[in-house]
Every structure is written in C-alpha cells, then in structure tokens.
PDB file of N, CA and C in Angstrom:
ATOM      1  N   MET A   1     127.525 105.519 108.760  1.00  0.00           N
ATOM      2  CA  MET A   1     126.341 105.675 109.187  1.00  0.00           C
ATOM      3  C   MET A   1     125.990 103.957 108.519  1.00  0.00           C
ATOM      4  N   ASN A   2     125.156 103.224 109.517  1.00  0.00           N
ATOM      5  CA  ASN A   2     124.950 101.839 109.336  1.00  0.00           C
ATOM      6  C   ASN A   2     123.955 101.629 108.390  1.00  0.00           C
ATOM      7  N   LYS A   3     123.793 101.064 107.444  1.00  0.00           N
ATOM      8  CA  LYS A   3     122.649 100.803 106.549  1.00  0.00           C
ATOM      9  C   LYS A   3     122.313  99.293 106.691  1.00  0.00           C
ATOM     10  N   SER A   4     120.656  99.024 107.223  1.00  0.00           N
ATOM     11  CA  SER A   4     120.362  98.084 107.238  1.00  0.00           C
ATOM     12  C   SER A   4     119.521  97.615 106.546  1.00  0.00           C
ATOM     13  N   VAL A   5     119.723  96.332 105.653  1.00  0.00           N
ATOM     14  CA  VAL A   5     118.814  95.813 104.489  1.00  0.00           C
ATOM     15  C   VAL A   5     118.191  94.675 104.925  1.00  0.00           C
ATOM     16  N   THR A   6     116.992  94.063 104.857  1.00  0.00           N
ATOM     17  CA  THR A   6     116.409  92.982 105.210  1.00  0.00           C
ATOM     18  C   THR A   6     115.384  92.377 103.750  1.00  0.00           C
ATOM     19  N   VAL A   7     116.071  91.506 103.206  1.00  0.00           N
ATOM     20  CA  VAL A   7     114.937  90.997 102.263  1.00  0.00           C
ATOM     21  C   VAL A   7     113.585  89.664 102.618  1.00  0.00           C
ATOM     22  N   TYR A   8     112.968  89.708 102.419  1.00  0.00           N
ATOM     23  CA  TYR A   8     111.770  88.913 103.500  1.00  0.00           C
ATOM     24  C   TYR A   8     111.335  88.574 101.540  1.00  0.00           C
ATOM     25  N   SER A   9     111.171  86.918 101.065  1.00  0.00           N
ATOM     26  CA  SER A   9     111.391  86.206 100.451  1.00  0.00           C
ATOM     27  C   SER A   9     110.671  84.786 100.521  1.00  0.00           C
ATOM     28  N   THR A  10     110.496  84.263  99.138  1.00  0.00           N
ATOM     29  CA  THR A  10     110.031  82.707  99.267  1.00  0.00           C
ATOM     30  C   THR A  10     111.244  82.182  98.078  1.00  0.00           C
ATOM     31  N   ASN A  11     110.970  80.729  98.080  1.00  0.00           N
ATOM     32  CA  ASN A  11     111.646  80.012  97.156  1.00  0.00           C
ATOM     33  C   ASN A  11     111.627  80.326  95.574  1.00  0.00           C
ATOM     34  N   THR A  12     109.770  80.699  95.980  1.00  0.00           N
ATOM     35  CA  THR A  12     109.268  80.868  94.304  1.00  0.00           C
ATOM     36  C   THR A  12     109.330  82.234  93.593  1.00  0.00           C
ATOM     37  N   CYS A  13     109.452  83.022  94.413  1.00  0.00           N
ATOM     38  CA  CYS A  13     109.437  84.266  93.788  1.00  0.00           C
ATOM     39  C   CYS A  13     110.255  85.039  93.067  1.00  0.00           C
ATOM     40  N   PRO A  14     109.704  85.280  91.191  1.00  0.00           N
ATOM     41  CA  PRO A  14     110.569  85.752  90.623  1.00  0.00           C
ATOM     42  C   PRO A  14     111.677  87.452  90.826  1.00  0.00           C
ATOM     43  N   TYR A  15     110.353  88.244  91.715  1.00  0.00           N
ATOM     44  CA  TYR A  15     110.904  89.260  91.620  1.00  0.00           C
ATOM     45  C   TYR A  15     111.730  89.163  93.044  1.00  0.00           C
ATOM     46  N   CYS A  16     111.460  88.530  94.099  1.00  0.00           N
ATOM     47  CA  CYS A  16     112.735  88.163  94.769  1.00  0.00           C
ATOM     48  C   CYS A  16     113.580  87.853  94.660  1.00  0.00           C
ATOM     49  N   THR A  17     114.314  87.177  93.481  1.00  0.00           N
ATOM     50  CA  THR A  17     115.391  86.780  93.114  1.00  0.00           C
ATOM     51  C   THR A  17     116.204  87.847  92.274  1.00  0.00           C
ATOM     52  N   MET A  18     115.090  88.615  91.793  1.00  0.00           N
ATOM     53  CA  MET A  18     115.420  90.038  91.147  1.00  0.00           C
ATOM     54  C   MET A  18     115.848  91.323  91.828  1.00  0.00           C
ATOM     55  N   MET A  19     115.320  91.117  92.925  1.00  0.00           N
ATOM     56  CA  MET A  19     116.036  92.068  93.932  1.00  0.00           C
ATOM     57  C   MET A  19     117.044  91.577  94.918  1.00  0.00           C
ATOM     58  N   LYS A  20     117.063  89.864  95.084  1.00  0.00           N
ATOM     59  CA  LYS A  20     118.473  89.937  95.751  1.00  0.00           C
ATOM     60  C   LYS A  20     119.528  89.889  94.549  1.00  0.00           C
ATOM     61  N   ASN A  21     119.376  89.729  93.683  1.00  0.00           N
ATOM     62  CA  ASN A  21     120.502  90.093  92.723  1.00  0.00           C
ATOM     63  C   ASN A  21     120.938  91.626  92.259  1.00  0.00           C
ATOM     64  N   PHE A  22     119.783  92.244  92.204  1.00  0.00           N
ATOM     65  CA  PHE A  22     120.051  93.861  92.190  1.00  0.00           C
ATOM     66  C   PHE A  22     120.846  94.494  93.412  1.00  0.00           C
ATOM     67  N   LEU A  23     120.656  94.105  94.294  1.00  0.00           N
ATOM     68  CA  LEU A  23     121.560  94.225  95.758  1.00  0.00           C
ATOM     69  C   LEU A  23     122.749  93.652  95.756  1.00  0.00           C
ATOM     70  N   ASN A  24     122.938  92.395  95.540  1.00  0.00           N
ATOM     71  CA  ASN A  24     124.206  92.028  94.893  1.00  0.00           C
ATOM     72  C   ASN A  24     125.268  92.598  93.916  1.00  0.00           C
ATOM     73  N   ASP A  25     124.484  92.844  92.740  1.00  0.00           N
ATOM     74  CA  ASP A  25     125.140  93.517  92.073  1.00  0.00           C
ATOM     75  C   ASP A  25     125.553  95.076  92.085  1.00  0.00           C
ATOM     76  N   GLN A  26     124.929  95.852  93.148  1.00  0.00           N
ATOM     77  CA  GLN A  26     125.189  97.165  93.752  1.00  0.00           C
ATOM     78  C   GLN A  26     126.074  97.036  94.660  1.00  0.00           C
ATOM     79  N   GLY A  27     126.640  95.586  95.290  1.00  0.00           N
ATOM     80  CA  GLY A  27     127.328  95.169  96.493  1.00  0.00           C
ATOM     81  C   GLY A  27     126.941  95.861  97.525  1.00  0.00           C
ATOM     82  N   ILE A  28     125.090  95.988  97.827  1.00  0.00           N
ATOM     83  CA  ILE A  28     124.726  96.042  98.818  1.00  0.00           C
ATOM     84  C   ILE A  28     124.560  95.261  99.925  1.00  0.00           C
ATOM     85  N   PRO A  29     125.130  95.039 101.061  1.00  0.00           N
ATOM     86  CA  PRO A  29     124.833  93.394 101.791  1.00  0.00           C
ATOM     87  C   PRO A  29     123.365  93.263 102.492  1.00  0.00           C
ATOM     88  N   PHE A  30     123.102  92.403 102.533  1.00  0.00           N
ATOM     89  CA  PHE A  30     121.762  92.372 103.130  1.00  0.00           C
ATOM     90  C   PHE A  30     121.511  90.882 103.680  1.00  0.00           C
ATOM     91  N   LYS A  31     120.597  91.222 104.571  1.00  0.00           N
ATOM     92  CA  LYS A  31     119.889  89.532 104.958  1.00  0.00           C
ATOM     93  C   LYS A  31     118.579  89.360 104.043  1.00  0.00           C
ATOM     94  N   GLU A  32     119.035  88.033 104.489  1.00  0.00           N
ATOM     95  CA  GLU A  32     117.548  87.365 103.611  1.00  0.00           C
ATOM     96  C   GLU A  32     116.886  86.589 104.845  1.00  0.00           C
ATOM     97  N   VAL A  33     115.746  86.534 104.894  1.00  0.00           N
ATOM     98  CA  VAL A  33     114.675  86.130 105.735  1.00  0.00           C
ATOM     99  C   VAL A  33     113.406  85.102 104.760  1.00  0.00           C
ATOM    100  N   ASN A  34     113.304  83.876 104.399  1.00  0.00           N
ATOM    101  CA  ASN A  34     112.490  83.347 103.772  1.00  0.00           C
ATOM    102  C   ASN A  34     111.401  82.962 104.429  1.00  0.00           C
ATOM    103  N   VAL A  35     110.294  83.619 104.194  1.00  0.00           N
ATOM    104  CA  VAL A  35     109.057  83.325 104.553  1.00  0.00           C
ATOM    105  C   VAL A  35     108.543  82.244 104.636  1.00  0.00           C
ATOM    106  N   GLN A  36     108.827  81.733 103.237  1.00  0.00           N
ATOM    107  CA  GLN A  36     108.229  80.200 103.006  1.00  0.00           C
ATOM    108  C   GLN A  36     108.503  79.039 103.965  1.00  0.00           C
ATOM    109  N   VAL A  37     109.824  79.128 104.819  1.00  0.00           N
ATOM    110  CA  VAL A  37     110.251  78.261 105.389  1.00  0.00           C
ATOM    111  C   VAL A  37     110.018  78.884 106.969  1.00  0.00           C
ATOM    112  N   ASP A  38     110.006  79.841 107.170  1.00  0.00           N
ATOM    113  CA  ASP A  38     109.792  80.222 108.848  1.00  0.00           C
ATOM    114  C   ASP A  38     108.887  81.183 108.940  1.00  0.00           C
ATOM    115  N   PRO A  39     107.464  80.339 109.714  1.00  0.00           N
ATOM    116  CA  PRO A  39     106.210  80.829 109.516  1.00  0.00           C
ATOM    117  C   PRO A  39     105.937  82.056 110.541  1.00  0.00           C
ATOM    118  N   VAL A  40     107.292  82.220 111.544  1.00  0.00           N
ATOM    119  CA  VAL A  40     106.917  83.185 112.718  1.00  0.00           C
ATOM    120  C   VAL A  40     107.216  84.252 111.973  1.00  0.00           C
ATOM    121  N   ALA A  41     108.595  84.279 111.283  1.00  0.00           N
ATOM    122  CA  ALA A  41     108.976  85.614 110.373  1.00  0.00           C
ATOM    123  C   ALA A  41     107.627  85.863 109.701  1.00  0.00           C
ATOM    124  N   ALA A  42     106.888  85.265 108.943  1.00  0.00           N
ATOM    125  CA  ALA A  42     106.322  85.853 107.868  1.00  0.00           C
ATOM    126  C   ALA A  42     104.665  85.992 108.764  1.00  0.00           C
ATOM    127  N   ARG A  43     104.691  85.487 109.738  1.00  0.00           N
ATOM    128  CA  ARG A  43     103.509  86.274 110.724  1.00  0.00           C
ATOM    129  C   ARG A  43     103.988  87.697 110.970  1.00  0.00           C
ATOM    130  N   LYS A  44     105.116  87.756 111.521  1.00  0.00           N
ATOM    131  CA  LYS A  44     105.869  88.944 111.764  1.00  0.00           C
ATOM    132  C   LYS A  44     105.558  90.043 110.655  1.00  0.00           C
ATOM    133  N   LEU A  45     105.971  89.900 109.369  1.00  0.00           N
ATOM    134  CA  LEU A  45     106.006  90.450 108.477  1.00  0.00           C
ATOM    135  C   LEU A  45     104.668  91.050 108.144  1.00  0.00           C
ATOM    136  N   VAL A  46     103.461  90.183 108.012  1.00  0.00           N
ATOM    137  CA  VAL A  46     102.134  90.829 107.704  1.00  0.00           C
ATOM    138  C   VAL A  46     101.858  91.520 108.771  1.00  0.00           C
ATOM    139  N   GLU A  47     102.170  91.116 110.460  1.00  0.00           N
ATOM    140  CA  GLU A  47     102.104  92.220 111.275  1.00  0.00           C
ATOM    141  C   GLU A  47     102.377  93.374 111.007  1.00  0.00           C
ATOM    142  N   ALA A  48     103.856  93.618 110.762  1.00  0.00           N
ATOM    143  CA  ALA A  48     104.340  94.777 110.397  1.00  0.00           C
ATOM    144  C   ALA A  48     103.920  95.625 109.287  1.00  0.00           C
ATOM    145  N   THR A  49     103.879  95.073 108.268  1.00  0.00           N
ATOM    146  CA  THR A  49     103.481  95.435 106.987  1.00  0.00           C
ATOM    147  C   THR A  49     101.819  95.622 106.736  1.00  0.00           C
ATOM    148  N   GLY A  50     101.442  94.873 107.031  1.00  0.00           N
ATOM    149  CA  GLY A  50      99.472  94.459 106.506  1.00  0.00           C
ATOM    150  C   GLY A  50      99.843  93.871 104.769  1.00  0.00           C
ATOM    151  N   GLN A  51     100.765  93.229 104.735  1.00  0.00           N
ATOM    152  CA  GLN A  51     101.013  92.697 103.262  1.00  0.00           C
ATOM    153  C   GLN A  51     101.389  91.402 103.394  1.00  0.00           C
ATOM    154  N   MET A  52     100.560  90.344 102.285  1.00  0.00           N
ATOM    155  CA  MET A  52     101.399  89.022 102.388  1.00  0.00           C
ATOM    156  C   MET A  52     102.382  89.023 101.442  1.00  0.00           C
ATOM    157  N   GLY A  53     102.619  89.519 100.229  1.00  0.00           N
ATOM    158  CA  GLY A  53     103.136  89.665  99.044  1.00  0.00           C
ATOM    159  C   GLY A  53     104.738  89.793  99.405  1.00  0.00           C
ATOM    160  N   VAL A  54     105.396  89.384  98.405  1.00  0.00           N
ATOM    161  CA  VAL A  54     106.636  89.769  98.508  1.00  0.00           C
ATOM    162  C   VAL A  54     107.486  89.661  97.226  1.00  0.00           C
ATOM    163  N   PRO A  55     108.419  90.044  96.973  1.00  0.00           N
ATOM    164  CA  PRO A  55     109.641  90.223  98.067  1.00  0.00           C
ATOM    165  C   PRO A  55     108.894  91.755  99.004  1.00  0.00           C
ATOM    166  N   GLN A  56     109.530  91.869  99.879  1.00  0.00           N
ATOM    167  CA  GLN A  56     109.373  92.993 100.678  1.00  0.00           C
ATOM    168  C   GLN A  56     110.327  93.219 101.815  1.00  0.00           C
ATOM    169  N   THR A  57     111.144  94.404 101.025  1.00  0.00           N
ATOM    170  CA  THR A  57     112.688  94.947 101.565  1.00  0.00           C
ATOM    171  C   THR A  57     112.347  95.555 102.541  1.00  0.00           C
ATOM    172  N   GLU A  58     113.124  95.632 104.007  1.00  0.00           N
ATOM    173  CA  GLU A  58     113.232  96.775 105.193  1.00  0.00           C
ATOM    174  C   GLU A  58     114.362  97.196 104.700  1.00  0.00           C
ATOM    175  N   VAL A  59     114.466  98.545 104.814  1.00  0.00           N
ATOM    176  CA  VAL A  59     115.733  99.570 104.326  1.00  0.00           C
ATOM    177  C   VAL A  59     115.417 100.217 105.479  1.00  0.00           C
ATOM    178  N   ASN A  60     116.559 100.381 106.498  1.00  0.00           N
ATOM    179  CA  ASN A  60     116.374 100.780 107.722  1.00  0.00           C
ATOM    180  C   ASN A  60     115.172 101.706 108.567  1.00  0.00           C
ATOM    181  N   GLY A  61     114.538 100.336 108.258  1.00  0.00           N
ATOM    182  CA  GLY A  61     113.175 100.428 109.362  1.00  0.00           C
ATOM    183  C   GLY A  61     112.610 100.959 108.206  1.00  0.00           C
ATOM    184  N   GLN A  62     112.244 101.391 107.140  1.00  0.00           N
ATOM    185  CA  GLN A  62     111.526 101.740 106.162  1.00  0.00           C
ATOM    186  C   GLN A  62     110.915 100.422 105.307  1.00  0.00           C
ATOM    187  N   TRP A  63     109.694 100.386 104.180  1.00  0.00           N
ATOM    188  CA  TRP A  63     109.639  99.382 103.989  1.00  0.00           C
ATOM    189  C   TRP A  63     109.412  99.362 102.430  1.00  0.00           C
ATOM    190  N   VAL A  64     109.866  98.929 101.295  1.00  0.00           N
ATOM    191  CA  VAL A  64     109.652  98.698 100.256  1.00  0.00           C
ATOM    192  C   VAL A  64     108.727  97.162 100.037  1.00  0.00           C
ATOM    193  N   LEU A  65     107.560  97.689  99.061  1.00  0.00           N
ATOM    194  CA  LEU A  65     106.932  96.451  98.763  1.00  0.00           C
ATOM    195  C   LEU A  65     106.987  96.309  97.328  1.00  0.00           C
ATOM    196  N   GLY A  66     107.403  94.618  96.762  1.00  0.00           N
ATOM    197  CA  GLY A  66     108.008  94.764  95.703  1.00  0.00           C
ATOM    198  C   GLY A  66     109.289  94.890  95.334  1.00  0.00           C
ATOM    199  N   PHE A  67     109.302  94.698  94.194  1.00  0.00           N
ATOM    200  CA  PHE A  67     110.741  94.884  92.978  1.00  0.00           C
ATOM    201  C   PHE A  67     111.013  96.206  92.940  1.00  0.00           C
ATOM    202  N   ASP A  68     111.499  97.122  93.672  1.00  0.00           N
ATOM    203  CA  ASP A  68     111.555  98.753  93.417  1.00  0.00           C
ATOM    204  C   ASP A  68     112.461  99.119  93.872  1.00  0.00           C
ATOM    205  N   PRO A  69     113.822  98.664  92.673  1.00  0.00           N
ATOM    206  CA  PRO A  69     115.103  99.285  93.166  1.00  0.00           C
ATOM    207  C   PRO A  69     115.496 100.891  93.413  1.00  0.00           C
ATOM    208  N   ASN A  70     114.773 101.435  92.713  1.00  0.00           N
ATOM    209  CA  ASN A  70     114.610 102.689  93.166  1.00  0.00           C
ATOM    210  C   ASN A  70     114.554 103.302  94.316  1.00  0.00           C
ATOM    211  N   LYS A  71     113.476 102.609  94.595  1.00  0.00           N
ATOM    212  CA  LYS A  71     112.966 103.301  96.311  1.00  0.00           C
ATOM    213  C   LYS A  71     114.049 102.591  97.041  1.00  0.00           C
ATOM    214  N   VAL A  72     114.390 101.147  96.984  1.00  0.00           N
ATOM    215  CA  VAL A  72     115.687 101.031  97.976  1.00  0.00           C
ATOM    216  C   VAL A  72     116.754 101.922  97.630  1.00  0.00           C
ATOM    217  N   VAL A  73     117.092 102.656  96.412  1.00  0.00           N
ATOM    218  CA  VAL A  73     118.677 103.514  96.556  1.00  0.00           C
ATOM    219  C   VAL A  73     118.244 104.490  97.204  1.00  0.00           C
ATOM    220  N   GLU A  74     116.974 105.462  96.927  1.00  0.00           N
ATOM    221  CA  GLU A  74     116.491 106.469  97.562  1.00  0.00           C
ATOM    222  C   GLU A  74     116.535 106.422  98.832  1.00  0.00           C
ATOM    223  N   LEU A  75     116.002 104.968  99.891  1.00  0.00           N
ATOM    224  CA  LEU A  75     115.841 105.203 101.025  1.00  0.00           C
ATOM    225  C   LEU A  75     117.257 104.909 101.728  1.00  0.00           C
ATOM    226  N   LEU A  76     118.307 104.172 100.819  1.00  0.00           N
ATOM    227  CA  LEU A  76     119.506 104.361 101.513  1.00  0.00           C
ATOM    228  C   LEU A  76     120.618 105.380 101.480  1.00  0.00           C
ATOM    229  N   ASN A  77     120.169 106.443 100.584  1.00  0.00           N
ATOM    230  CA  ASN A  77     120.621 107.459 100.511  1.00  0.00           C
ATOM    231  C   ASN A  77     120.186 108.415 101.435  1.00  0.00           C
ATOM    232  N   LYS A  78     119.190 108.352 102.250  1.00  0.00           N
ATOM    233  CA  LYS A  78     118.688 109.313 102.955  1.00  0.00           C
ATOM    234  C   LYS A  78     119.633 109.429 104.164  1.00  0.00           C
TER     235      LYS A  78
END
C-alpha cells in the first residue's frame, strides 16, 4: 500500500524540524513543502485546512496539525 506523507513547514519552525527528524528517524519517506518560500502552497494549505500554523502534515489525505508523531503513526497504520 502506498503511503503519502507531506510536511508543510517554514525555515524557522522548531516543531517542523522535530517532525522531519521524527520521520527521518523512523525511515518514513516524506515530501517537504516550505510555505515560507512558496506562497501558492501556503494559500492552498490554508484553504485545505483552515489553519495557518505549521507544521501541518498530510498523511494519505488526512491532516495532522502540529508535532504529533503518535497521530502520524496511527494514520500510517490505517
């Protein structure tokens, strides 16, 4: 089964770094979208989730707001 993980982040967000480190440590491949340098992606993110904060992690179409590794693992195991 294909697992799709995308982390929406900024350059200065410590929780974004924690999320990316967690995914790397677990060997979970992910795509990163830096909304600080991509205003189009930032707008789409707010439209999709109603949230401006980061990190936001999309796991197989489901959203995880903030640094919540347990929720990411839960969604990956579905």
